[in-house]
Amino acid sequence: MSSKNSSPERGLFSRIFRRTIAADIIQGVIVGCVLAFIAASVIMSVAAFGVMTSTNGWVTTMQAGKPGNSIPLKAAMASMLPATNVAEEAVYWTATKDSTKQTLNGAHDYVLHFPAGGLPPVDAFWSLSMTEANNRMVANPINRYSVGDRSGLVPNADGSVDIYMQNTAPAGHETNWLPAPTGNFKLWLRAYQPGQAILNGSYKVPAVTEVK
């Protein structure tokens, strides 16, 4: 009896209906995963933004690696600063803007001027490195990827120190030159075993200034 009531049309409708339900479930799962990823990214960004400070164009945080950090903040720190140390071991600053809030770009020449006695106070060492916008190191003709207190920087007559960041060598200042790419770049300043002035926030990294 049931076979007589069956028809090709009903069988086709049944197959389409079953496939539509399965497709809806799959699409729902995909959409849910995408929304969850977006939501997690937003939550992580909000958590990270809340503990970041910006001074003179340099962004940093003292919260990285803290045992009491929330899960979103731990995830944000792992994404932004993987394998980072606690602040007592190392503090990191990044800069992508100059003193006028313009994006750092190798089409311009820049200087980072540390006044006499104004180098990062550390018990270990400090270094300044540069990456392209994609966070990769910048290839350059002299194979120099960082400068710091162990690279033989030459001070000025008054004891201040200038670091030159540009695409071509600064005449007479090659020792203090950190080569820049032709496009946008990011600066990374790292202080290992930072002094108390860094940990309590009283030390301020000078702004990066364009050389006119």
N, C-alpha and C. Protein backbone atom coordinates (compact mmCIF):
# COMPACT_ATOMS: atom_id res chain seq x y z
N MET A 1 0.85 -1.21 0.00
CA MET A 1 0.00 0.00 0.00
C MET A 1 0.88 1.25 0.00
N SER A 2 1.91 1.22 0.83
CA SER A 2 2.79 2.38 0.93
C SER A 2 3.52 2.62 -0.36
N SER A 3 3.85 1.50 -1.07
CA SER A 3 4.57 1.67 -2.33
C SER A 3 3.68 2.32 -3.37
N LYS A 4 2.34 2.03 -3.33
CA LYS A 4 1.43 2.64 -4.28
C LYS A 4 1.29 4.14 -4.04
N ASN A 5 1.37 4.56 -2.76
CA ASN A 5 1.22 5.97 -2.44
C ASN A 5 2.49 6.76 -2.67
N SER A 6 3.60 6.05 -2.88
CA SER A 6 4.87 6.74 -3.12
C SER A 6 4.89 7.24 -4.55
N SER A 7 5.61 8.32 -4.77
CA SER A 7 5.76 8.88 -6.11
C SER A 7 7.16 9.43 -6.25
N PRO A 8 7.66 9.50 -7.49
CA PRO A 8 8.99 10.08 -7.69
C PRO A 8 9.08 11.49 -7.15
N GLU A 9 7.95 12.24 -7.27
CA GLU A 9 7.99 13.62 -6.78
C GLU A 9 8.19 13.68 -5.27
N ARG A 10 7.46 12.83 -4.54
CA ARG A 10 7.59 12.82 -3.09
C ARG A 10 8.97 12.36 -2.66
N GLY A 11 9.53 11.37 -3.37
CA GLY A 11 10.88 10.91 -3.04
C GLY A 11 11.92 11.99 -3.26
N LEU A 12 11.76 12.71 -4.36
CA LEU A 12 12.70 13.81 -4.65
C LEU A 12 12.58 14.91 -3.60
N PHE A 13 11.33 15.24 -3.25
CA PHE A 13 11.11 16.27 -2.23
C PHE A 13 11.74 15.87 -0.90
N SER A 14 11.60 14.60 -0.55
CA SER A 14 12.15 14.12 0.71
C SER A 14 13.67 14.24 0.73
N ARG A 15 14.30 13.88 -0.41
CA ARG A 15 15.76 13.95 -0.46
C ARG A 15 16.24 15.40 -0.38
N ILE A 16 15.55 16.30 -1.11
CA ILE A 16 15.92 17.72 -1.07
C ILE A 16 15.75 18.28 0.33
N PHE A 17 14.64 17.86 1.00
CA PHE A 17 14.37 18.37 2.35
C PHE A 17 15.45 17.94 3.32
N ARG A 18 15.84 16.65 3.21
CA ARG A 18 16.90 16.15 4.11
C ARG A 18 18.22 16.87 3.84
N ARG A 19 18.54 17.07 2.59
CA ARG A 19 19.79 17.76 2.25
C ARG A 19 19.78 19.21 2.71
N THR A 20 18.63 19.84 2.64
CA THR A 20 18.52 21.24 3.07
C THR A 20 18.76 21.36 4.57
N ILE A 21 18.22 20.45 5.36
CA ILE A 21 18.43 20.47 6.80
C ILE A 21 19.92 20.29 7.12
N ALA A 22 20.55 19.32 6.45
CA ALA A 22 21.97 19.08 6.68
C ALA A 22 22.79 20.30 6.31
N ALA A 23 22.44 20.91 5.17
CA ALA A 23 23.18 22.10 4.73
C ALA A 23 23.00 23.25 5.71
N ASP A 24 21.77 23.39 6.23
CA ASP A 24 21.53 24.45 7.21
C ASP A 24 22.35 24.24 8.47
N ILE A 25 22.45 22.99 8.90
CA ILE A 25 23.24 22.70 10.10
C ILE A 25 24.71 23.04 9.88
N ILE A 26 25.23 22.62 8.72
CA ILE A 26 26.63 22.90 8.42
C ILE A 26 26.88 24.40 8.33
N GLN A 27 25.98 25.10 7.63
CA GLN A 27 26.12 26.55 7.53
C GLN A 27 26.04 27.22 8.88
N GLY A 28 25.14 26.71 9.73
CA GLY A 28 25.01 27.27 11.07
C GLY A 28 26.28 27.10 11.88
N VAL A 29 26.89 25.93 11.77
CA VAL A 29 28.14 25.68 12.49
C VAL A 29 29.24 26.61 11.99
N ILE A 30 29.34 26.76 10.66
CA ILE A 30 30.37 27.63 10.09
C ILE A 30 30.17 29.08 10.54
N VAL A 31 28.93 29.55 10.44
CA VAL A 31 28.63 30.92 10.85
C VAL A 31 28.92 31.11 12.34
N GLY A 32 28.55 30.11 13.14
CA GLY A 32 28.80 30.19 14.58
C GLY A 32 30.29 30.27 14.89
N CYS A 33 31.09 29.48 14.18
CA CYS A 33 32.55 29.50 14.39
C CYS A 33 33.13 30.85 14.02
N VAL A 34 32.67 31.40 12.89
CA VAL A 34 33.16 32.71 12.45
C VAL A 34 32.81 33.79 13.46
N LEU A 35 31.56 33.78 13.92
CA LEU A 35 31.13 34.77 14.90
C LEU A 35 31.89 34.61 16.21
N ALA A 36 32.14 33.36 16.61
CA ALA A 36 32.90 33.12 17.84
C ALA A 36 34.32 33.65 17.70
N PHE A 37 34.92 33.44 16.54
CA PHE A 37 36.28 33.94 16.30
C PHE A 37 36.31 35.46 16.36
N ILE A 38 35.33 36.10 15.71
CA ILE A 38 35.27 37.56 15.72
C ILE A 38 35.07 38.08 17.14
N ALA A 39 34.15 37.44 17.87
CA ALA A 39 33.87 37.87 19.24
C ALA A 39 35.11 37.71 20.12
N ALA A 40 35.82 36.59 19.96
CA ALA A 40 37.03 36.36 20.75
C ALA A 40 38.09 37.40 20.42
N SER A 41 38.23 37.74 19.14
CA SER A 41 39.20 38.75 18.74
C SER A 41 38.88 40.10 19.35
N VAL A 42 37.59 40.44 19.35
CA VAL A 42 37.18 41.73 19.93
C VAL A 42 37.44 41.75 21.43
N ILE A 43 37.10 40.67 22.12
CA ILE A 43 37.30 40.59 23.56
C ILE A 43 38.78 40.69 23.89
N MET A 44 39.62 39.99 23.11
CA MET A 44 41.07 40.04 23.33
C MET A 44 41.61 41.45 23.10
N SER A 45 41.12 42.11 22.04
CA SER A 45 41.59 43.46 21.74
C SER A 45 41.21 44.44 22.84
N VAL A 46 39.98 44.31 23.33
CA VAL A 46 39.52 45.18 24.42
C VAL A 46 40.36 44.95 25.68
N ALA A 47 40.63 43.67 25.98
CA ALA A 47 41.43 43.35 27.16
C ALA A 47 42.84 43.90 27.04
N ALA A 48 43.44 43.76 25.86
CA ALA A 48 44.81 44.25 25.66
C ALA A 48 44.86 45.77 25.70
N PHE A 49 43.88 46.42 25.05
CA PHE A 49 43.85 47.88 25.02
C PHE A 49 43.75 48.46 26.43
N GLY A 50 43.06 47.77 27.29
CA GLY A 50 42.86 48.27 28.65
C GLY A 50 44.11 48.31 29.50
N VAL A 51 45.14 47.56 29.13
CA VAL A 51 46.37 47.53 29.93
C VAL A 51 47.55 48.15 29.20
N MET A 52 47.29 48.71 28.01
CA MET A 52 48.35 49.36 27.26
C MET A 52 48.43 50.84 27.61
N THR A 53 49.63 51.38 27.64
CA THR A 53 49.83 52.80 27.83
C THR A 53 50.64 53.34 26.66
N SER A 54 50.39 54.57 26.29
CA SER A 54 51.10 55.19 25.17
C SER A 54 51.65 56.54 25.60
N THR A 55 52.97 56.72 25.42
CA THR A 55 53.63 57.97 25.75
C THR A 55 54.64 58.28 24.66
N ASN A 56 54.58 59.48 24.12
CA ASN A 56 55.50 59.92 23.06
C ASN A 56 55.48 58.98 21.85
N GLY A 57 54.33 58.35 21.61
CA GLY A 57 54.20 57.46 20.47
C GLY A 57 54.63 56.03 20.73
N TRP A 58 55.13 55.75 21.93
CA TRP A 58 55.58 54.41 22.29
C TRP A 58 54.52 53.72 23.13
N VAL A 59 54.16 52.50 22.74
CA VAL A 59 53.12 51.74 23.43
C VAL A 59 53.77 50.61 24.22
N THR A 60 53.32 50.42 25.45
CA THR A 60 53.87 49.35 26.29
C THR A 60 52.82 48.87 27.28
N THR A 61 53.15 47.81 27.99
CA THR A 61 52.32 47.31 29.08
C THR A 61 53.21 46.66 30.12
N MET A 62 52.79 46.73 31.34
CA MET A 62 53.51 46.08 32.44
C MET A 62 52.78 44.82 32.90
N GLN A 63 51.71 44.45 32.20
CA GLN A 63 50.87 43.34 32.63
C GLN A 63 51.23 42.01 32.00
N ALA A 64 52.09 42.01 31.00
CA ALA A 64 52.42 40.76 30.31
C ALA A 64 52.99 39.73 31.29
N GLY A 65 52.47 38.50 31.21
CA GLY A 65 53.01 37.40 32.00
C GLY A 65 52.56 37.36 33.44
N LYS A 66 51.68 38.27 33.86
CA LYS A 66 51.23 38.29 35.26
C LYS A 66 50.35 37.07 35.55
N PRO A 67 50.58 36.36 36.66
CA PRO A 67 49.79 35.17 36.97
C PRO A 67 48.29 35.45 37.10
N GLY A 68 47.91 36.63 37.54
CA GLY A 68 46.51 36.93 37.76
C GLY A 68 45.77 37.43 36.55
N ASN A 69 46.41 37.45 35.38
CA ASN A 69 45.74 37.94 34.18
C ASN A 69 44.55 37.06 33.81
N SER A 70 43.53 37.69 33.26
CA SER A 70 42.35 36.94 32.80
C SER A 70 42.72 36.14 31.56
N ILE A 71 41.87 35.16 31.24
CA ILE A 71 42.13 34.33 30.05
C ILE A 71 42.15 35.18 28.77
N PRO A 72 41.20 36.12 28.55
CA PRO A 72 41.28 36.95 27.34
C PRO A 72 42.57 37.77 27.28
N LEU A 73 43.02 38.29 28.45
CA LEU A 73 44.24 39.08 28.45
C LEU A 73 45.46 38.20 28.18
N LYS A 74 45.47 37.00 28.75
CA LYS A 74 46.58 36.08 28.47
C LYS A 74 46.64 35.75 26.99
N ALA A 75 45.47 35.53 26.39
CA ALA A 75 45.41 35.21 24.96
C ALA A 75 45.89 36.40 24.12
N ALA A 76 45.48 37.61 24.53
CA ALA A 76 45.89 38.81 23.80
C ALA A 76 47.40 39.01 23.89
N MET A 77 47.96 38.82 25.08
CA MET A 77 49.40 38.97 25.26
C MET A 77 50.17 37.92 24.45
N ALA A 78 49.64 36.70 24.43
CA ALA A 78 50.30 35.63 23.66
C ALA A 78 50.29 35.93 22.17
N SER A 79 49.24 36.60 21.72
CA SER A 79 49.14 36.95 20.30
C SER A 79 50.04 38.12 19.94
N MET A 80 50.09 39.12 20.82
CA MET A 80 50.85 40.33 20.54
C MET A 80 52.32 40.18 20.87
N LEU A 81 52.61 39.55 22.02
CA LEU A 81 54.00 39.40 22.48
C LEU A 81 54.23 37.96 22.89
N PRO A 82 54.33 37.05 21.92
CA PRO A 82 54.52 35.63 22.26
C PRO A 82 55.80 35.40 23.03
N ALA A 83 55.72 34.50 24.02
CA ALA A 83 56.89 34.13 24.85
C ALA A 83 57.47 35.34 25.57
N THR A 84 56.61 36.30 25.90
CA THR A 84 57.10 37.49 26.59
C THR A 84 57.41 37.22 28.05
N ASN A 85 58.26 38.06 28.63
CA ASN A 85 58.62 37.94 30.04
C ASN A 85 57.73 38.83 30.90
N VAL A 86 57.77 38.61 32.19
CA VAL A 86 57.12 39.55 33.11
C VAL A 86 57.94 40.83 33.10
N ALA A 87 57.31 41.94 33.50
CA ALA A 87 57.96 43.25 33.40
C ALA A 87 59.27 43.30 34.19
N GLU A 88 59.36 42.59 35.30
CA GLU A 88 60.59 42.62 36.09
C GLU A 88 61.78 42.03 35.34
N GLU A 89 61.49 41.20 34.34
CA GLU A 89 62.56 40.61 33.52
C GLU A 89 62.81 41.42 32.26
N ALA A 90 61.75 41.91 31.63
CA ALA A 90 61.91 42.68 30.40
C ALA A 90 60.66 43.51 30.12
N VAL A 91 60.88 44.71 29.63
CA VAL A 91 59.78 45.60 29.22
C VAL A 91 59.97 45.91 27.75
N TYR A 92 58.87 45.93 27.02
CA TYR A 92 58.90 46.12 25.57
C TYR A 92 58.06 47.34 25.19
N TRP A 93 58.60 48.17 24.31
CA TRP A 93 57.84 49.27 23.73
C TRP A 93 57.81 49.09 22.21
N THR A 94 56.73 49.52 21.59
CA THR A 94 56.66 49.54 20.12
C THR A 94 56.21 50.92 19.68
N ALA A 95 56.66 51.32 18.49
CA ALA A 95 56.26 52.61 17.93
C ALA A 95 56.06 52.47 16.43
N THR A 96 54.98 53.03 15.93
CA THR A 96 54.72 53.08 14.50
C THR A 96 54.45 54.50 14.02
N LYS A 97 54.52 55.47 14.96
CA LYS A 97 54.26 56.87 14.63
C LYS A 97 55.42 57.74 15.10
N ASP A 98 55.61 58.87 14.41
CA ASP A 98 56.64 59.80 14.86
C ASP A 98 56.02 60.83 15.81
N SER A 99 56.77 61.87 16.13
CA SER A 99 56.31 62.85 17.11
C SER A 99 55.09 63.64 16.65
N THR A 100 54.84 63.64 15.34
CA THR A 100 53.67 64.34 14.81
C THR A 100 52.54 63.37 14.46
N LYS A 101 52.68 62.13 14.94
CA LYS A 101 51.68 61.07 14.75
C LYS A 101 51.55 60.61 13.30
N GLN A 102 52.62 60.81 12.53
CA GLN A 102 52.65 60.30 11.17
C GLN A 102 53.28 58.91 11.16
N THR A 103 52.80 58.04 10.29
CA THR A 103 53.30 56.67 10.23
C THR A 103 54.77 56.65 9.82
N LEU A 104 55.56 55.86 10.54
CA LEU A 104 56.99 55.73 10.23
C LEU A 104 57.15 55.07 8.85
N ASN A 105 57.94 55.70 8.01
CA ASN A 105 58.10 55.21 6.64
C ASN A 105 59.51 55.53 6.16
N GLY A 106 60.12 54.57 5.45
CA GLY A 106 61.48 54.74 4.99
C GLY A 106 61.70 55.83 3.99
N ALA A 107 60.62 56.44 3.49
CA ALA A 107 60.78 57.59 2.60
C ALA A 107 61.24 58.82 3.37
N HIS A 108 61.21 58.75 4.70
CA HIS A 108 61.63 59.86 5.55
C HIS A 108 62.80 59.42 6.43
N ASP A 109 63.54 60.40 6.94
CA ASP A 109 64.65 60.14 7.85
C ASP A 109 64.23 60.52 9.26
N TYR A 110 64.63 59.69 10.24
CA TYR A 110 64.22 59.93 11.63
C TYR A 110 65.42 59.84 12.57
N VAL A 111 65.25 60.45 13.74
CA VAL A 111 66.26 60.34 14.78
C VAL A 111 65.55 60.10 16.11
N LEU A 112 66.14 59.23 16.92
CA LEU A 112 65.68 59.00 18.29
C LEU A 112 66.76 59.59 19.19
N HIS A 113 66.44 60.69 19.84
CA HIS A 113 67.42 61.44 20.64
C HIS A 113 67.25 61.15 22.12
N PHE A 114 68.27 60.55 22.71
CA PHE A 114 68.29 60.33 24.15
C PHE A 114 69.16 61.43 24.78
N PRO A 115 68.60 62.24 25.66
CA PRO A 115 69.43 63.26 26.32
C PRO A 115 70.49 62.61 27.20
N ALA A 116 71.47 63.39 27.59
CA ALA A 116 72.53 62.87 28.46
C ALA A 116 71.90 62.25 29.71
N GLY A 117 72.27 61.03 30.01
CA GLY A 117 71.71 60.32 31.17
C GLY A 117 70.32 59.77 30.92
N GLY A 118 69.85 59.84 29.68
CA GLY A 118 68.48 59.44 29.39
C GLY A 118 68.31 58.11 28.68
N LEU A 119 69.38 57.33 28.57
CA LEU A 119 69.25 56.01 27.97
C LEU A 119 68.42 55.11 28.89
N PRO A 120 67.78 54.09 28.36
CA PRO A 120 66.95 53.22 29.21
C PRO A 120 67.74 52.67 30.40
N PRO A 121 67.27 52.90 31.62
CA PRO A 121 67.98 52.39 32.81
C PRO A 121 67.72 50.90 33.01
N VAL A 122 68.76 50.11 32.86
CA VAL A 122 68.62 48.66 32.95
C VAL A 122 69.77 48.07 33.77
N ASP A 123 69.54 46.88 34.32
CA ASP A 123 70.59 46.15 35.00
C ASP A 123 71.23 45.12 34.08
N ALA A 124 70.62 44.86 32.93
CA ALA A 124 71.18 43.93 31.95
C ALA A 124 71.56 44.70 30.69
N PHE A 125 70.65 44.78 29.71
CA PHE A 125 70.94 45.54 28.50
C PHE A 125 69.64 45.98 27.84
N TRP A 126 69.76 46.89 26.88
CA TRP A 126 68.62 47.33 26.10
C TRP A 126 68.98 47.28 24.61
N SER A 127 67.97 47.17 23.76
CA SER A 127 68.21 47.15 22.33
C SER A 127 67.03 47.76 21.58
N LEU A 128 67.34 48.35 20.43
CA LEU A 128 66.33 48.91 19.55
C LEU A 128 66.41 48.17 18.22
N SER A 129 65.31 47.58 17.81
CA SER A 129 65.27 46.87 16.53
C SER A 129 64.11 47.38 15.70
N MET A 130 64.07 46.93 14.45
CA MET A 130 63.08 47.43 13.51
C MET A 130 62.52 46.27 12.69
N THR A 131 61.22 46.33 12.43
CA THR A 131 60.60 45.35 11.55
C THR A 131 59.78 46.08 10.51
N GLU A 132 59.47 45.37 9.44
CA GLU A 132 58.53 45.91 8.48
C GLU A 132 57.13 45.86 9.09
N ALA A 133 56.15 46.36 8.36
CA ALA A 133 54.79 46.40 8.89
C ALA A 133 54.27 45.00 9.21
N ASN A 134 54.79 43.96 8.54
CA ASN A 134 54.35 42.59 8.79
C ASN A 134 55.13 41.91 9.92
N ASN A 135 55.89 42.70 10.67
CA ASN A 135 56.66 42.24 11.83
C ASN A 135 57.87 41.37 11.46
N ARG A 136 58.32 41.44 10.23
CA ARG A 136 59.52 40.73 9.83
C ARG A 136 60.73 41.66 9.87
N MET A 137 61.88 41.11 10.19
CA MET A 137 63.08 41.92 10.25
C MET A 137 63.37 42.53 8.89
N VAL A 138 64.04 43.67 8.92
CA VAL A 138 64.30 44.43 7.71
C VAL A 138 65.67 44.06 7.13
N ALA A 139 65.67 43.47 5.94
CA ALA A 139 66.94 43.16 5.28
C ALA A 139 67.63 44.46 4.89
N ASN A 140 68.94 44.52 5.06
CA ASN A 140 69.66 45.75 4.75
C ASN A 140 71.09 45.42 4.34
N PRO A 141 71.77 46.32 3.64
CA PRO A 141 73.10 46.03 3.08
C PRO A 141 74.20 45.82 4.10
N ILE A 142 74.02 46.27 5.33
CA ILE A 142 75.08 46.08 6.33
C ILE A 142 74.71 45.00 7.36
N ASN A 143 73.60 44.32 7.13
CA ASN A 143 73.15 43.24 8.02
C ASN A 143 73.09 43.68 9.49
N ARG A 144 72.56 44.86 9.69
CA ARG A 144 72.39 45.37 11.06
C ARG A 144 70.90 45.37 11.37
N TYR A 145 70.54 44.65 12.43
CA TYR A 145 69.12 44.48 12.75
C TYR A 145 68.74 45.07 14.11
N SER A 146 69.72 45.56 14.84
CA SER A 146 69.44 46.22 16.11
C SER A 146 70.65 47.04 16.54
N VAL A 147 70.39 48.01 17.38
CA VAL A 147 71.46 48.78 18.03
C VAL A 147 71.09 48.85 19.50
N GLY A 148 72.08 49.14 20.32
CA GLY A 148 71.81 49.22 21.75
C GLY A 148 73.05 49.54 22.53
N ASP A 149 72.99 49.25 23.83
CA ASP A 149 74.12 49.61 24.68
C ASP A 149 75.34 48.71 24.47
N ARG A 150 75.21 47.69 23.61
CA ARG A 150 76.33 46.81 23.33
C ARG A 150 76.80 46.90 21.87
N SER A 151 76.30 47.90 21.16
CA SER A 151 76.65 48.00 19.75
C SER A 151 77.62 49.15 19.44
N GLY A 152 78.16 49.76 20.48
CA GLY A 152 79.17 50.81 20.26
C GLY A 152 78.61 52.13 19.77
N LEU A 153 77.43 52.51 20.24
CA LEU A 153 76.85 53.79 19.84
C LEU A 153 77.77 54.93 20.25
N VAL A 154 77.92 55.89 19.36
CA VAL A 154 78.81 57.03 19.62
C VAL A 154 77.99 58.18 20.19
N PRO A 155 78.31 58.64 21.40
CA PRO A 155 77.55 59.75 21.99
C PRO A 155 77.97 61.09 21.39
N ASN A 156 77.10 62.07 21.54
CA ASN A 156 77.43 63.43 21.14
C ASN A 156 78.34 64.07 22.19
N ALA A 157 78.84 65.25 21.89
CA ALA A 157 79.77 65.93 22.80
C ALA A 157 79.16 66.18 24.17
N ASP A 158 77.84 66.38 24.23
CA ASP A 158 77.19 66.67 25.51
C ASP A 158 76.74 65.41 26.24
N GLY A 159 77.09 64.24 25.71
CA GLY A 159 76.71 62.99 26.36
C GLY A 159 75.40 62.41 25.89
N SER A 160 74.67 63.13 25.08
CA SER A 160 73.42 62.61 24.53
C SER A 160 73.73 61.59 23.43
N VAL A 161 72.72 60.81 23.05
CA VAL A 161 72.90 59.78 22.02
C VAL A 161 71.79 59.89 20.99
N ASP A 162 72.18 59.92 19.73
CA ASP A 162 71.22 59.96 18.64
C ASP A 162 71.29 58.66 17.85
N ILE A 163 70.13 58.07 17.59
CA ILE A 163 70.05 56.89 16.73
C ILE A 163 69.31 57.30 15.47
N TYR A 164 69.93 57.05 14.34
CA TYR A 164 69.38 57.47 13.05
C TYR A 164 68.68 56.29 12.37
N MET A 165 67.44 56.52 11.98
CA MET A 165 66.63 55.48 11.32
C MET A 165 66.21 55.99 9.96
N GLN A 166 66.84 55.45 8.94
CA GLN A 166 66.56 55.89 7.58
C GLN A 166 67.01 54.83 6.59
N ASN A 167 66.60 55.01 5.34
CA ASN A 167 66.88 53.99 4.33
C ASN A 167 68.33 54.03 3.84
N THR A 168 68.91 55.20 3.79
CA THR A 168 70.31 55.34 3.37
C THR A 168 71.16 55.80 4.55
N ALA A 169 72.44 55.48 4.50
CA ALA A 169 73.33 55.78 5.63
C ALA A 169 73.43 57.27 5.89
N PRO A 170 73.34 57.70 7.16
CA PRO A 170 73.50 59.11 7.50
C PRO A 170 74.99 59.47 7.49
N ALA A 171 75.37 60.40 6.67
CA ALA A 171 76.79 60.76 6.54
C ALA A 171 77.37 61.17 7.89
N GLY A 172 78.45 60.50 8.27
CA GLY A 172 79.13 60.84 9.51
C GLY A 172 78.53 60.19 10.75
N HIS A 173 77.42 59.46 10.59
CA HIS A 173 76.76 58.84 11.75
C HIS A 173 76.46 57.36 11.49
N GLU A 174 77.26 56.73 10.67
CA GLU A 174 76.99 55.34 10.28
C GLU A 174 76.95 54.39 11.48
N THR A 175 77.75 54.66 12.49
CA THR A 175 77.79 53.78 13.67
C THR A 175 76.46 53.77 14.40
N ASN A 176 75.74 54.86 14.34
CA ASN A 176 74.46 54.99 15.06
C ASN A 176 73.28 54.83 14.13
N TRP A 177 73.49 54.12 13.02
CA TRP A 177 72.45 53.98 12.00
C TRP A 177 71.73 52.64 12.13
N LEU A 178 70.40 52.71 12.19
CA LEU A 178 69.55 51.52 12.13
C LEU A 178 68.82 51.58 10.79
N PRO A 179 69.23 50.76 9.81
CA PRO A 179 68.66 50.85 8.46
C PRO A 179 67.16 50.59 8.42
N ALA A 180 66.47 51.40 7.63
CA ALA A 180 65.01 51.29 7.48
C ALA A 180 64.66 50.78 6.09
N PRO A 181 63.50 50.14 5.95
CA PRO A 181 63.04 49.70 4.62
C PRO A 181 62.51 50.90 3.84
N THR A 182 62.05 50.66 2.64
CA THR A 182 61.50 51.76 1.83
C THR A 182 60.07 52.08 2.22
N GLY A 183 59.40 51.12 2.86
CA GLY A 183 57.99 51.33 3.23
C GLY A 183 57.81 51.58 4.71
N ASN A 184 56.60 51.28 5.20
CA ASN A 184 56.29 51.48 6.61
C ASN A 184 57.09 50.52 7.49
N PHE A 185 57.39 50.95 8.71
CA PHE A 185 58.11 50.07 9.62
C PHE A 185 57.69 50.32 11.07
N LYS A 186 58.06 49.37 11.91
CA LYS A 186 57.75 49.43 13.33
C LYS A 186 59.05 49.33 14.13
N LEU A 187 59.13 50.08 15.21
CA LEU A 187 60.29 50.04 16.10
C LEU A 187 59.96 49.25 17.36
N TRP A 188 60.95 48.48 17.82
CA TRP A 188 60.81 47.70 19.03
C TRP A 188 61.95 48.06 19.98
N LEU A 189 61.62 48.57 21.14
CA LEU A 189 62.63 48.87 22.16
C LEU A 189 62.45 47.89 23.30
N ARG A 190 63.52 47.18 23.64
CA ARG A 190 63.47 46.16 24.70
C ARG A 190 64.45 46.52 25.80
N ALA A 191 63.99 46.45 27.04
CA ALA A 191 64.84 46.72 28.20
C ALA A 191 64.83 45.48 29.09
N TYR A 192 65.98 44.86 29.25
CA TYR A 192 66.08 43.62 30.02
C TYR A 192 66.58 43.91 31.44
N GLN A 193 65.89 43.32 32.40
CA GLN A 193 66.08 43.64 33.81
C GLN A 193 66.00 45.16 34.00
N PRO A 194 64.83 45.72 33.68
CA PRO A 194 64.65 47.17 33.72
C PRO A 194 64.80 47.73 35.12
N GLY A 195 65.30 48.97 35.18
CA GLY A 195 65.44 49.65 36.46
C GLY A 195 64.10 50.10 37.01
N GLN A 196 64.13 50.59 38.24
CA GLN A 196 62.90 50.98 38.92
C GLN A 196 62.18 52.11 38.20
N ALA A 197 62.93 53.00 37.55
CA ALA A 197 62.30 54.12 36.85
C ALA A 197 61.41 53.63 35.71
N ILE A 198 61.80 52.52 35.09
CA ILE A 198 60.95 51.94 34.04
C ILE A 198 59.75 51.25 34.66
N LEU A 199 59.99 50.48 35.70
CA LEU A 199 58.90 49.71 36.32
C LEU A 199 57.83 50.59 36.94
N ASN A 200 58.23 51.74 37.49
CA ASN A 200 57.22 52.61 38.10
C ASN A 200 56.65 53.63 37.13
N GLY A 201 57.11 53.59 35.88
CA GLY A 201 56.54 54.44 34.85
C GLY A 201 57.10 55.84 34.76
N SER A 202 58.09 56.16 35.58
CA SER A 202 58.64 57.52 35.55
C SER A 202 59.58 57.74 34.37
N TYR A 203 60.15 56.67 33.84
CA TYR A 203 61.01 56.81 32.66
C TYR A 203 60.15 56.84 31.40
N LYS A 204 60.42 57.81 30.53
CA LYS A 204 59.67 57.97 29.29
C LYS A 204 60.64 57.86 28.11
N VAL A 205 60.31 57.01 27.17
CA VAL A 205 61.12 56.91 25.95
C VAL A 205 60.85 58.14 25.10
N PRO A 206 61.90 58.80 24.59
CA PRO A 206 61.69 60.00 23.76
C PRO A 206 60.95 59.67 22.47
N ALA A 207 60.28 60.67 21.94
CA ALA A 207 59.55 60.49 20.68
C ALA A 207 60.52 60.38 19.51
N VAL A 208 60.10 59.67 18.49
CA VAL A 208 60.87 59.59 17.24
C VAL A 208 60.56 60.84 16.42
N THR A 209 61.62 61.52 16.01
CA THR A 209 61.45 62.81 15.31
C THR A 209 61.94 62.70 13.87
N GLU A 210 61.17 63.25 12.95
CA GLU A 210 61.61 63.26 11.56
C GLU A 210 62.68 64.32 11.36
N VAL A 211 63.71 63.97 10.63
CA VAL A 211 64.79 64.90 10.31
C VAL A 211 64.38 65.68 9.07
N LYS A 212 64.25 66.97 9.20
CA LYS A 212 63.82 67.82 8.07
C LYS A 212 65.02 68.24 7.21
